[in-house]
């Protein structure tokens, strides 16, 4: 409940800060977003590459496990 109230208060502060009749921080916020965009894009790109490599590794491991399961099943049928 406390986190919900804090979240609503932070959203309200953000709206008041961006509005021209509030704190009037709109131009500064836009400048900050423009400056942070390349850094954020690079960071997200690096994370995406790491996730892609992990996904490929997981798929390879799943194929190996599936193949091992099929081989064990085939050996079990031959033993009967």
Protein backbone atom coordinates (compact mmCIF):
# COMPACT_ATOMS: atom_id res chain seq x y z
CA UNK A 1 0.00 0.00 0.00
CA UNK A 2 2.83 2.36 0.86
CA UNK A 3 4.56 1.67 -2.45
CA UNK A 4 1.35 2.45 -4.32
CA UNK A 5 1.04 5.80 -2.57
CA UNK A 6 4.72 6.62 -3.17
CA UNK A 7 4.33 5.68 -6.84
CA UNK A 8 1.31 7.94 -7.25
CA UNK A 9 3.13 10.80 -5.53
CA UNK A 10 6.17 10.39 -7.78
CA UNK A 11 4.00 10.37 -10.90
CA UNK A 12 2.22 13.49 -9.68
CA UNK A 13 5.57 15.21 -9.05
CA UNK A 14 6.72 14.29 -12.55
CA UNK A 15 3.58 15.78 -14.09
CA UNK A 16 3.89 18.98 -12.02
CA UNK A 17 7.59 19.29 -12.87
CA UNK A 18 6.93 18.98 -16.61
CA UNK A 19 4.00 21.38 -16.85
CA UNK A 20 4.78 25.00 -17.74
CA UNK A 21 2.66 26.38 -14.88
CA UNK A 22 4.20 23.94 -12.38
CA UNK A 23 7.94 23.85 -11.83
CA UNK A 24 8.58 24.48 -15.52
CA UNK A 25 11.34 21.92 -15.87
CA UNK A 26 10.12 20.84 -19.32
CA UNK A 27 13.08 22.15 -21.37
CA UNK A 28 15.62 20.77 -18.89
CA UNK A 29 13.92 17.38 -18.92
CA UNK A 30 13.97 17.33 -22.73
CA UNK A 31 17.67 18.28 -22.75
CA UNK A 32 18.43 15.52 -20.26
CA UNK A 33 16.51 12.98 -22.34
CA UNK A 34 18.37 14.07 -25.47
CA UNK A 35 21.71 13.72 -23.69
CA UNK A 36 20.92 10.37 -22.09
CA UNK A 37 19.41 8.76 -25.20
CA UNK A 38 22.72 7.63 -26.82
CA UNK A 39 24.04 6.23 -23.55
CA UNK A 40 20.74 4.45 -22.86
CA UNK A 41 20.67 3.06 -26.41
CA UNK A 42 24.20 1.68 -26.04
CA UNK A 43 23.38 0.17 -22.65
CA UNK A 44 20.20 -1.48 -23.96
CA UNK A 45 22.09 -2.74 -27.01
CA UNK A 46 24.74 -4.39 -24.84
CA UNK A 47 22.06 -6.00 -22.68
CA UNK A 48 20.25 -7.25 -25.78
CA UNK A 49 23.43 -8.84 -27.12
CA UNK A 50 24.06 -10.61 -23.79
CA UNK A 51 20.46 -11.84 -23.69
CA UNK A 52 20.78 -13.07 -27.29
CA UNK A 53 23.94 -15.01 -26.50
CA UNK A 54 22.33 -16.52 -23.40
CA UNK A 55 19.27 -17.50 -25.44
CA UNK A 56 21.41 -19.21 -28.08
CA UNK A 57 23.34 -21.04 -25.35
CA UNK A 58 20.09 -22.16 -23.68
CA UNK A 59 18.68 -23.43 -26.99
CA UNK A 60 21.85 -25.44 -27.63
CA UNK A 61 21.67 -26.93 -24.15
CA UNK A 62 17.97 -27.78 -24.62
CA UNK A 63 18.76 -29.56 -27.89
CA UNK A 64 21.51 -31.57 -26.19
CA UNK A 65 19.17 -32.56 -23.36
CA UNK A 66 16.43 -33.50 -25.81
CA UNK A 67 18.85 -35.63 -27.81
CA UNK A 68 20.08 -37.33 -24.62
CA UNK A 69 16.49 -38.02 -23.58
CA UNK A 70 15.70 -39.53 -26.98
CA UNK A 71 18.80 -41.72 -26.81
CA UNK A 72 17.93 -42.88 -23.30
CA UNK A 73 14.38 -43.65 -24.45
CA UNK A 74 15.67 -45.59 -27.45
CA UNK A 75 18.08 -47.56 -25.24
CA UNK A 76 15.23 -48.30 -22.83
CA UNK A 77 13.06 -49.70 -25.63
CA UNK A 78 15.93 -51.84 -26.93
CA UNK A 79 16.58 -53.29 -23.48
CA UNK A 80 13.01 -54.57 -23.10
